[in-house]
Protein backbone atom coordinates (compact mmCIF):
# COMPACT_ATOMS: atom_id res chain seq x y z
CA MET A 1 -32.16 -8.34 -32.44
CA ARG A 2 -30.93 -5.78 -34.93
CA ILE A 3 -28.73 -6.61 -37.94
CA PHE A 4 -26.04 -4.21 -39.13
CA THR A 5 -23.38 -3.92 -41.77
CA GLU A 6 -19.92 -3.16 -40.47
CA GLU A 7 -20.43 0.49 -41.48
CA SER A 8 -23.85 0.92 -39.90
CA GLY A 9 -22.74 -0.93 -36.75
CA LYS A 10 -19.79 1.34 -35.92
CA GLU A 11 -21.52 2.86 -32.90
CA LEU A 12 -22.35 -0.60 -31.54
CA LEU A 13 -18.72 -1.68 -31.87
CA SER A 14 -17.36 1.42 -30.15
CA ARG A 15 -18.23 1.48 -26.48
CA PRO A 16 -15.23 1.98 -24.17
CA PHE A 17 -15.58 2.31 -20.41
CA ALA A 18 -15.75 5.96 -19.44
CA ALA A 19 -15.91 7.54 -16.00
CA ARG A 20 -18.70 10.02 -15.39
CA GLU A 21 -18.09 13.09 -13.28
CA LYS A 22 -21.21 12.68 -11.17
CA GLU A 23 -20.28 9.14 -10.13
CA MET A 24 -16.64 10.09 -9.65
CA ALA A 25 -17.57 12.89 -7.26
CA ALA A 26 -19.82 10.56 -5.27
CA VAL A 27 -17.10 7.92 -5.03
CA ARG A 28 -14.49 10.40 -3.83
CA ALA A 29 -16.84 11.66 -1.14
CA ILE A 30 -17.53 8.12 0.10
CA LEU A 31 -13.84 7.20 0.13
CA ALA A 32 -12.94 10.30 2.11
CA ASP A 33 -15.77 9.71 4.56
CA VAL A 34 -14.82 6.10 5.24
CA ARG A 35 -11.17 7.04 5.58
CA ALA A 36 -12.10 9.67 8.17
CA ARG A 37 -14.86 7.90 10.12
CA GLY A 38 -14.24 4.19 9.56
CA ASP A 39 -16.97 1.77 10.62
CA ALA A 40 -19.53 4.51 11.29
CA ALA A 41 -19.38 5.73 7.70
CA VAL A 42 -19.60 2.20 6.28
CA PHE A 43 -22.64 1.46 8.46
CA GLU A 44 -24.41 4.63 7.30
CA TYR A 45 -23.84 3.88 3.62
CA GLU A 46 -25.02 0.29 4.01
CA GLN A 47 -28.22 1.54 5.60
CA LYS A 48 -28.68 4.08 2.83
CA PHE A 49 -27.91 1.86 -0.17
CA ASP A 50 -28.80 -1.67 0.94
CA GLY A 51 -31.25 -1.15 3.79
CA THR A 52 -28.91 -3.05 6.12
CA THR A 53 -28.60 -2.03 9.77
CA LEU A 54 -25.08 -2.83 10.90
CA THR A 55 -23.22 -2.74 14.17
CA ALA A 56 -19.78 -3.90 15.21
CA GLN A 57 -21.45 -7.15 16.32
CA ASN A 58 -23.16 -8.11 13.04
CA PHE A 59 -20.86 -6.47 10.46
CA ARG A 60 -18.79 -9.61 9.95
CA VAL A 61 -20.69 -12.79 9.06
CA SER A 62 -20.90 -15.06 12.12
CA GLU A 63 -20.49 -18.81 12.45
CA ALA A 64 -24.21 -19.07 13.16
CA GLU A 65 -24.97 -17.40 9.83
CA PHE A 66 -22.68 -19.79 7.99
CA GLU A 67 -24.36 -22.76 9.67
CA ALA A 68 -27.81 -21.46 8.72
CA ALA A 69 -26.62 -20.98 5.12
CA TYR A 70 -25.49 -24.61 4.91
CA ARG A 71 -28.89 -25.77 6.16
CA ALA A 72 -30.61 -23.70 3.47
CA VAL A 73 -28.64 -25.07 0.51
CA PRO A 74 -30.00 -28.32 -1.02
CA PRO A 75 -27.49 -31.21 -0.96
CA GLN A 76 -27.57 -31.63 -4.74
CA LEU A 77 -26.74 -27.94 -5.26
CA LEU A 78 -23.95 -28.17 -2.68
CA GLY A 79 -22.52 -31.11 -4.63
CA SER A 80 -22.51 -29.06 -7.84
CA LEU A 81 -20.80 -26.20 -6.04
CA ARG A 82 -18.12 -28.49 -4.61
CA ARG A 83 -17.36 -29.99 -8.02
CA ALA A 84 -17.00 -26.48 -9.45
CA VAL A 85 -14.71 -25.48 -6.58
CA SER A 86 -12.54 -28.54 -7.25
CA ASN A 87 -12.20 -27.70 -10.96
CA ILE A 88 -11.41 -24.04 -10.37
CA LEU A 89 -8.88 -24.63 -7.60
CA SER A 90 -7.18 -27.39 -9.61
CA TYR A 91 -6.83 -25.07 -12.60
CA HIS A 92 -5.35 -22.20 -10.60
CA THR A 93 -3.03 -24.45 -8.64
CA ARG A 94 -1.54 -26.13 -11.69
CA SER A 95 -0.97 -22.79 -13.45
CA ARG A 96 0.79 -21.24 -10.46
CA ARG A 97 3.99 -19.36 -11.24
CA GLU A 98 7.22 -20.70 -9.73
CA GLY A 99 10.39 -18.80 -8.93
CA LYS A 100 13.50 -19.15 -11.06
CA ILE A 101 17.09 -18.68 -9.84
CA ALA A 102 20.17 -19.47 -11.93
CA GLU A 103 23.94 -19.23 -11.34
CA GLU A 104 26.51 -18.57 -14.05
CA GLY A 105 30.09 -17.48 -13.61
CA GLY A 106 29.67 -16.51 -9.99
CA ARG A 107 26.56 -14.46 -10.69
CA THR A 108 23.32 -15.72 -9.15
CA THR A 109 20.21 -13.97 -10.44
CA GLY A 110 16.52 -14.70 -10.58
CA TYR A 111 13.38 -14.20 -8.61
CA VAL A 112 11.24 -15.83 -5.96
CA VAL A 113 7.44 -15.65 -5.89
CA ARG A 114 5.62 -14.63 -2.73
CA PRO A 115 1.89 -14.22 -2.04
CA VAL A 116 0.56 -10.94 -0.75
CA GLY A 117 -0.32 -10.96 2.93
CA ALA A 118 -3.99 -10.05 2.60
CA ALA A 119 -6.51 -9.85 -0.24
CA GLY A 120 -9.81 -7.96 -0.19
CA LEU A 121 -12.29 -9.48 -2.61
CA TYR A 122 -15.47 -7.81 -3.80
CA VAL A 123 -18.38 -10.08 -4.74
CA PRO A 124 -21.38 -8.28 -6.29
CA GLY A 125 -24.90 -8.92 -5.08
CA GLY A 126 -26.99 -6.30 -6.83
CA THR A 127 -29.22 -7.96 -9.43
CA ALA A 128 -28.50 -11.61 -8.57
CA PRO A 129 -26.64 -13.61 -5.90
CA LEU A 130 -23.34 -14.62 -7.47
CA ALA A 131 -21.88 -17.66 -5.75
CA SER A 132 -19.84 -18.25 -8.91
CA SER A 133 -18.10 -14.89 -8.47
CA MET A 134 -17.29 -15.86 -4.90
CA CYS A 135 -15.51 -18.96 -6.21
CA MET A 136 -13.75 -17.09 -8.99
CA SER A 137 -12.49 -14.40 -6.58
CA VAL A 138 -11.45 -16.46 -3.57
CA LEU A 139 -9.92 -19.54 -5.20
CA PRO A 140 -7.13 -17.76 -7.15
CA ALA A 141 -6.08 -16.08 -3.89
CA LYS A 142 -6.16 -19.42 -2.11
CA ALA A 143 -4.09 -21.05 -4.88
CA ALA A 144 -1.56 -18.23 -4.57
CA GLY A 145 -1.15 -18.95 -0.86
CA VAL A 146 -2.66 -15.74 0.52
CA GLY A 147 -3.06 -16.13 4.27
CA ARG A 148 -5.86 -13.65 4.89
CA ILE A 149 -8.73 -13.61 2.37
CA ALA A 150 -11.40 -11.04 3.25
CA VAL A 151 -14.64 -10.79 1.27
CA ALA A 152 -17.09 -7.93 0.95
CA THR A 153 -20.55 -8.60 -0.46
CA PRO A 154 -23.76 -6.56 -0.14
CA ALA A 155 -26.42 -7.81 2.28
CA LYS A 156 -29.87 -6.75 1.12
CA GLU A 157 -31.74 -5.81 4.28
CA GLY A 158 -29.11 -7.67 6.26
CA VAL A 159 -29.28 -10.95 4.34
CA ILE A 160 -26.64 -12.58 2.12
CA ALA A 161 -27.84 -15.39 -0.14
CA PRO A 162 -27.12 -18.78 1.52
CA LEU A 163 -25.27 -20.25 -1.48
CA VAL A 164 -22.97 -17.21 -1.56
CA LEU A 165 -22.01 -17.74 2.08
CA VAL A 166 -21.57 -21.47 1.58
CA ALA A 167 -19.32 -20.76 -1.42
CA ALA A 168 -17.21 -18.42 0.72
CA ARG A 169 -16.66 -21.12 3.31
CA GLU A 170 -16.06 -23.89 0.73
CA CYS A 171 -13.47 -21.76 -1.07
CA GLY A 172 -11.54 -20.78 2.05
CA ALA A 173 -12.45 -17.13 2.73
CA THR A 174 -11.25 -16.17 6.19
CA GLU A 175 -13.57 -13.17 6.69
CA VAL A 176 -16.87 -12.08 5.11
CA TYR A 177 -18.30 -8.58 5.65
CA LYS A 178 -21.76 -7.26 4.85
CA MET A 179 -20.79 -4.29 2.74
CA GLY A 180 -20.87 -3.23 -0.88
CA GLY A 181 -20.17 -0.32 -3.19
CA ALA A 182 -17.40 2.24 -2.88
CA GLN A 183 -17.56 2.02 0.91
CA ALA A 184 -16.40 -1.60 0.78
CA ILE A 185 -13.41 -0.70 -1.40
CA ALA A 186 -12.56 2.16 1.00
CA ALA A 187 -12.71 -0.16 4.01
CA PHE A 188 -10.30 -2.58 2.35
CA ALA A 189 -7.94 0.15 1.14
CA TYR A 190 -7.75 2.26 4.31
CA GLY A 191 -8.93 -0.06 7.07
CA THR A 192 -11.58 0.65 9.71
CA GLU A 193 -12.08 -0.38 13.33
CA SER A 194 -13.47 -3.73 12.16
CA VAL A 195 -11.75 -4.29 8.81
CA LYS A 196 -7.98 -4.51 8.59
CA LYS A 197 -6.32 -2.95 5.54
CA VAL A 198 -5.48 -5.38 2.72
CA ASP A 199 -2.70 -5.42 0.15
CA VAL A 200 -4.70 -6.16 -3.01
CA VAL A 201 -8.34 -5.43 -3.88
CA ALA A 202 -9.92 -7.56 -6.60
CA GLY A 203 -13.29 -8.58 -7.98
CA PRO A 204 -15.95 -7.15 -10.29
CA GLY A 205 -18.57 -4.52 -9.46
CA ASN A 206 -20.64 -1.63 -10.74
CA ILE A 207 -19.28 1.74 -11.84
CA TYR A 208 -18.97 2.95 -8.23
CA VAL A 209 -16.85 -0.06 -7.31
CA THR A 210 -14.71 0.32 -10.41
CA LEU A 211 -14.11 4.03 -9.88
CA ALA A 212 -13.33 3.41 -6.21
CA LYS A 213 -10.69 0.84 -7.21
CA LYS A 214 -9.23 3.36 -9.61
CA GLU A 215 -8.99 5.97 -6.84
CA VAL A 216 -7.37 3.74 -4.21
CA TYR A 217 -4.80 2.25 -6.58
CA GLY A 218 -1.44 3.01 -5.01
CA GLN A 219 -2.80 2.60 -1.50
CA VAL A 220 -3.42 -1.01 -2.50
CA GLY A 221 -2.94 -3.07 -5.63
CA VAL A 222 -5.98 -3.74 -7.83
CA ASP A 223 -6.72 -6.41 -10.40
CA MET A 224 -8.38 -4.44 -13.20
CA LEU A 225 -10.95 -1.74 -13.92
CA ALA A 226 -13.95 -3.67 -15.19
CA GLY A 227 -17.07 -2.26 -16.78
CA PRO A 228 -20.31 -3.92 -17.93
CA SER A 229 -20.07 -7.55 -19.04
CA GLU A 230 -19.83 -8.38 -22.74
CA ILE A 231 -19.63 -11.16 -25.30
CA LEU A 232 -18.67 -11.27 -28.97
CA ILE A 233 -19.56 -14.39 -30.97
CA LEU A 234 -17.89 -15.14 -34.28
CA ALA A 235 -20.26 -17.47 -36.13
CA ASP A 236 -19.96 -18.96 -39.60
CA ARG A 237 -22.65 -20.74 -41.64
CA THR A 238 -22.11 -23.99 -39.72
CA ALA A 239 -23.32 -22.42 -36.45
CA ASN A 240 -26.67 -23.45 -34.98
CA PRO A 241 -28.74 -20.22 -34.75
CA ALA A 242 -30.61 -21.46 -31.66
CA TYR A 243 -27.32 -22.04 -29.85
CA VAL A 244 -25.99 -18.62 -30.82
CA ALA A 245 -29.23 -16.94 -29.70
CA ALA A 246 -29.05 -18.75 -26.36
CA ASP A 247 -25.49 -17.55 -25.85
CA VAL A 248 -26.48 -13.97 -26.70
CA LEU A 249 -29.27 -14.05 -24.14
CA SER A 250 -27.10 -15.66 -21.47
CA GLN A 251 -25.01 -12.50 -21.64
CA ALA A 252 -27.85 -10.00 -22.06
CA GLU A 253 -29.70 -11.20 -18.96
CA HIS A 254 -26.80 -10.12 -16.74
CA ASP A 255 -27.48 -6.41 -16.82
CA VAL A 256 -29.20 -3.72 -18.90
CA LEU A 257 -25.68 -2.42 -19.66
CA ALA A 258 -24.34 -5.79 -20.83
CA ARG A 259 -23.19 -6.00 -24.44
CA ALA A 260 -23.86 -8.99 -26.73
CA ILE A 261 -22.63 -8.88 -30.33
CA VAL A 262 -22.61 -11.53 -33.05
CA VAL A 263 -20.28 -11.18 -36.04
CA THR A 264 -20.96 -13.44 -39.01
CA ASP A 265 -20.06 -13.72 -42.68
CA CYS A 266 -23.42 -15.34 -43.48
CA PRO A 267 -26.42 -12.98 -43.97
CA GLU A 268 -28.89 -15.89 -43.85
CA LEU A 269 -27.53 -16.97 -40.47
CA ALA A 270 -27.87 -13.41 -39.19
CA GLU A 271 -31.58 -13.44 -40.03
CA ARG A 272 -32.12 -16.80 -38.33
CA ILE A 273 -30.23 -15.72 -35.20
CA ALA A 274 -32.34 -12.57 -34.96
CA GLU A 275 -35.56 -14.59 -35.22
CA GLU A 276 -34.40 -17.20 -32.73
CA THR A 277 -33.31 -14.55 -30.23
CA GLU A 278 -36.78 -12.98 -30.19
CA LYS A 279 -38.39 -16.39 -29.73
CA GLN A 280 -36.15 -17.39 -26.81
CA LEU A 281 -36.35 -13.95 -25.22
CA SER A 282 -40.10 -14.25 -24.76
CA VAL A 283 -39.79 -17.09 -22.23
CA LEU A 284 -36.95 -15.72 -20.07
CA PRO A 285 -37.71 -14.74 -16.46
CA ARG A 286 -35.27 -11.82 -16.84
CA ARG A 287 -36.56 -10.84 -20.29
CA GLU A 288 -36.98 -7.18 -19.39
CA ILE A 289 -33.29 -6.89 -18.48
CA ALA A 290 -32.19 -8.89 -21.53
CA SER A 291 -34.45 -6.92 -23.84
CA ALA A 292 -33.10 -3.60 -22.58
CA SER A 293 -29.54 -4.85 -22.98
CA LEU A 294 -30.10 -5.94 -26.58
CA ALA A 295 -31.89 -2.71 -27.43
CA SER A 296 -29.01 -0.55 -26.23
CA ALA A 297 -25.93 -2.65 -26.82
CA GLY A 298 -26.77 -5.78 -28.79
CA GLY A 299 -26.71 -6.60 -32.46
CA ILE A 300 -25.50 -8.75 -35.34
CA ILE A 301 -22.75 -7.46 -37.65
CA VAL A 302 -22.47 -8.98 -41.12
CA VAL A 303 -18.90 -8.93 -42.50
CA LYS A 304 -17.33 -10.12 -45.73
CA ASP A 305 -15.32 -12.97 -44.17
CA MET A 306 -14.10 -14.44 -40.90
CA ALA A 307 -10.70 -12.78 -41.24
CA ARG A 308 -12.49 -9.45 -40.96
CA GLY A 309 -14.47 -10.81 -38.04
CA VAL A 310 -11.27 -11.67 -36.15
CA ALA A 311 -9.90 -8.20 -36.88
CA ILE A 312 -13.02 -6.67 -35.32
CA ALA A 313 -12.68 -8.95 -32.31
CA ASN A 314 -9.07 -7.90 -31.80
CA GLU A 315 -10.04 -4.26 -31.96
CA ILE A 316 -12.93 -4.62 -29.51
CA ALA A 317 -10.92 -6.92 -27.19
CA PRO A 318 -14.08 -8.46 -25.72
CA GLU A 319 -14.41 -9.95 -22.26
CA HIS A 320 -15.77 -13.21 -23.73
CA LEU A 321 -15.06 -14.34 -27.29
CA GLU A 322 -16.82 -17.38 -28.73
CA LEU A 323 -15.34 -18.88 -31.90
CA TYR A 324 -18.41 -20.73 -33.11
CA VAL A 325 -17.02 -21.78 -36.49
CA LYS A 326 -16.28 -25.08 -38.20
CA ASN A 327 -12.59 -25.18 -37.21
CA PRO A 328 -12.14 -22.74 -34.31
CA GLU A 329 -8.51 -23.72 -33.71
CA THR A 330 -7.60 -22.23 -37.10
CA LEU A 331 -8.77 -18.81 -35.90
CA LEU A 332 -7.28 -18.97 -32.41
CA ASP A 333 -3.74 -18.10 -33.53
CA SER A 334 -5.09 -14.87 -35.01
CA VAL A 335 -6.84 -13.80 -31.82
CA GLN A 336 -4.69 -11.31 -29.91
CA ASN A 337 -7.07 -9.52 -27.56
CA ALA A 338 -9.78 -11.18 -25.46
CA GLY A 339 -10.41 -11.98 -21.82
CA ALA A 340 -11.37 -15.61 -22.48
CA VAL A 341 -11.84 -17.56 -25.72
CA PHE A 342 -14.43 -20.34 -26.06
CA LEU A 343 -13.84 -22.81 -28.88
CA GLY A 344 -16.64 -24.53 -30.79
CA GLY A 345 -20.37 -25.04 -30.53
CA CYS A 346 -20.24 -27.17 -27.37
CA THR A 347 -18.44 -24.52 -25.30
CA PRO A 348 -20.97 -21.84 -24.37
CA GLU A 349 -19.80 -19.06 -22.07
CA PRO A 350 -21.55 -20.48 -18.94
CA VAL A 351 -19.11 -23.42 -19.06
CA GLY A 352 -16.42 -20.91 -18.16
CA ASP A 353 -18.65 -18.87 -15.88
CA TYR A 354 -19.27 -21.75 -13.52
CA PHE A 355 -17.32 -24.92 -13.98
CA ALA A 356 -14.41 -25.45 -16.38
CA GLY A 357 -11.72 -23.94 -14.16
CA PRO A 358 -10.32 -20.77 -15.79
CA ASP A 359 -11.52 -17.64 -14.05
CA HIS A 360 -14.56 -15.67 -15.17
CA ILE A 361 -13.40 -12.34 -13.74
CA LEU A 362 -12.15 -10.82 -16.97
CA PRO A 363 -11.16 -7.46 -18.44
CA THR A 364 -13.97 -5.57 -20.20
CA GLY A 365 -14.49 -2.46 -22.29
CA GLY A 366 -11.46 -3.09 -24.50
CA SER A 367 -9.10 -3.42 -21.52
CA ALA A 368 -8.18 -6.98 -22.54
CA LYS A 369 -5.53 -5.21 -24.61
CA PHE A 370 -3.59 -4.54 -21.41
CA PHE A 371 -5.34 -6.31 -18.50
CA GLU A 372 -5.61 -10.07 -18.10
CA VAL A 373 -7.92 -12.58 -16.46
CA LEU A 374 -7.92 -12.68 -12.66
CA GLY A 375 -5.58 -15.41 -11.48
CA GLU A 376 -3.06 -16.36 -8.86
CA ASP A 377 -0.62 -13.83 -10.40
CA THR A 378 -2.94 -11.08 -9.12
CA PHE A 379 -2.12 -12.13 -5.57
CA THR A 380 1.62 -12.74 -5.90
CA ARG A 381 4.65 -10.61 -6.61
CA LYS A 382 8.13 -11.41 -7.84
CA MET A 383 11.12 -10.47 -5.69
CA SER A 384 14.48 -10.28 -7.42
CA VAL A 385 17.37 -12.29 -5.98
CA ILE A 386 21.00 -11.35 -6.74
CA ARG A 387 24.30 -12.72 -5.43
CA TYR A 388 27.84 -12.09 -6.72
CA THR A 389 31.03 -13.89 -5.77
CA ARG A 390 34.15 -11.78 -5.23
CA GLU A 391 35.52 -12.96 -8.58
CA ALA A 392 32.36 -11.94 -10.43
CA LEU A 393 32.31 -8.54 -8.75
CA GLN A 394 35.96 -8.03 -9.69
CA GLU A 395 35.12 -8.71 -13.35
CA ASP A 396 32.15 -6.33 -13.47
CA ALA A 397 33.29 -3.58 -11.10
CA ALA A 398 34.76 -1.23 -13.70
CA ASP A 399 31.61 -1.29 -15.81
CA ILE A 400 29.34 -0.75 -12.80
CA ALA A 401 31.46 2.14 -11.54
CA ALA A 402 31.58 3.76 -14.98
CA LEU A 403 27.82 3.65 -15.31
CA ALA A 404 27.32 5.03 -11.79
CA ARG A 405 29.72 7.91 -12.41
CA SER A 406 27.99 8.71 -15.71
CA GLU A 407 24.94 9.51 -13.60
CA GLY A 408 26.93 11.57 -11.10
CA LEU A 409 26.55 8.99 -8.33
CA GLU A 410 30.07 8.68 -6.95
CA ALA A 411 29.00 6.86 -3.78
CA HIS A 412 27.44 4.13 -5.94
CA ALA A 413 30.77 3.66 -7.72
CA ARG A 414 32.70 3.64 -4.44
CA ALA A 415 30.38 1.03 -2.93
CA VAL A 416 31.62 -1.34 -5.64
CA LEU A 417 35.23 -0.27 -5.86
CA ILE A 418 35.87 -0.42 -2.12
CA ARG A 419 35.36 -4.17 -2.44
CA THR A 420 37.65 -4.61 -5.43
CA GLU A 421 40.51 -2.10 -5.00
CA GLY A 422 42.08 -3.24 -1.74
CA GLY A 423 39.19 -2.45 0.63
CA THR A 424 37.99 -4.61 3.47
CA LYS A 425 37.34 -8.17 2.32
CA GLN A 426 34.36 -10.14 3.64
């Protein structure tokens, strides 16, 4: 793992998500095709990209397939999954937003919170089966009270990993379809013969999925535009280099495009982390992926102090931020931009990926400056509630009419004044 100064590591620290014209053109063509031809287009793309032969009969996962998936999952693993589901659902349920309505002087104002009618959730399946992403996508929608929860996940040669299907059923998905890529996003956004249109599309994916979400925004709501996964670890001299190296590799093994960066104020620790990373890398089953990731987007930045490290973290706005320092709480107040923050040496990122409760579908590529973690808020919307008494309207009528007339909207003014200047009383 390479070691940089802040100056020499500028290129490593600057890596925003950027759309590429070739991919954008391909996505637009797929979206248009699915919008025009529906199921037939989706089936053709699934055959082309995933080697899956689909028909109207096998497009949606059947009860028989769910039953077979349950038989294939070992009981101990099912127990672990169910405990994770319990933690995640409990977290999202207790953090659910409630409506607020207040009355003062005859004026009732506030809002009520309502779930969207249908959510379309994308669960990746490219380089690894991600049952955890199934949980992290479906459970916030369930906690929000969404009635129809449809899932799209790729089926390689017609097969979805058993644990992924079991997770869908355990979490409460109402529909699961064998589809991936931009064609899945198009099916959710526009609807096909087999897939009803949804209201919100959410979940992580590759660049084609992300660009498709960007294109259909407005037809449906979307959660965020996510790029490759990333971690930034702030480590001081108290950090265990073996632990830090393990955390780096847990991120790097995701994808050759994943980014794993360590920022430390201790040059000696940087050297030990670099050595430990190479040692641990050699025994990983996915070492080729992790090695490619570290070569292109991994490194250790040595800074003068932790205050500078936090400043870098706020500028990068990483998806995952580990504060692996002696007193992490002292730094937390200074952290402004991150998808999720992990405090202390006993809180590696996989704790959040699988089990703790907070969601692992997080903004990437610096977008934590304006996007937030996937949660029940993604699947709800606030509706304003307003009620005036006649006395309150009488008090405010002149101001309302004056403002309406200042905009040249006489009918707006009259709609108020007809109720307060001797018009019909109701």
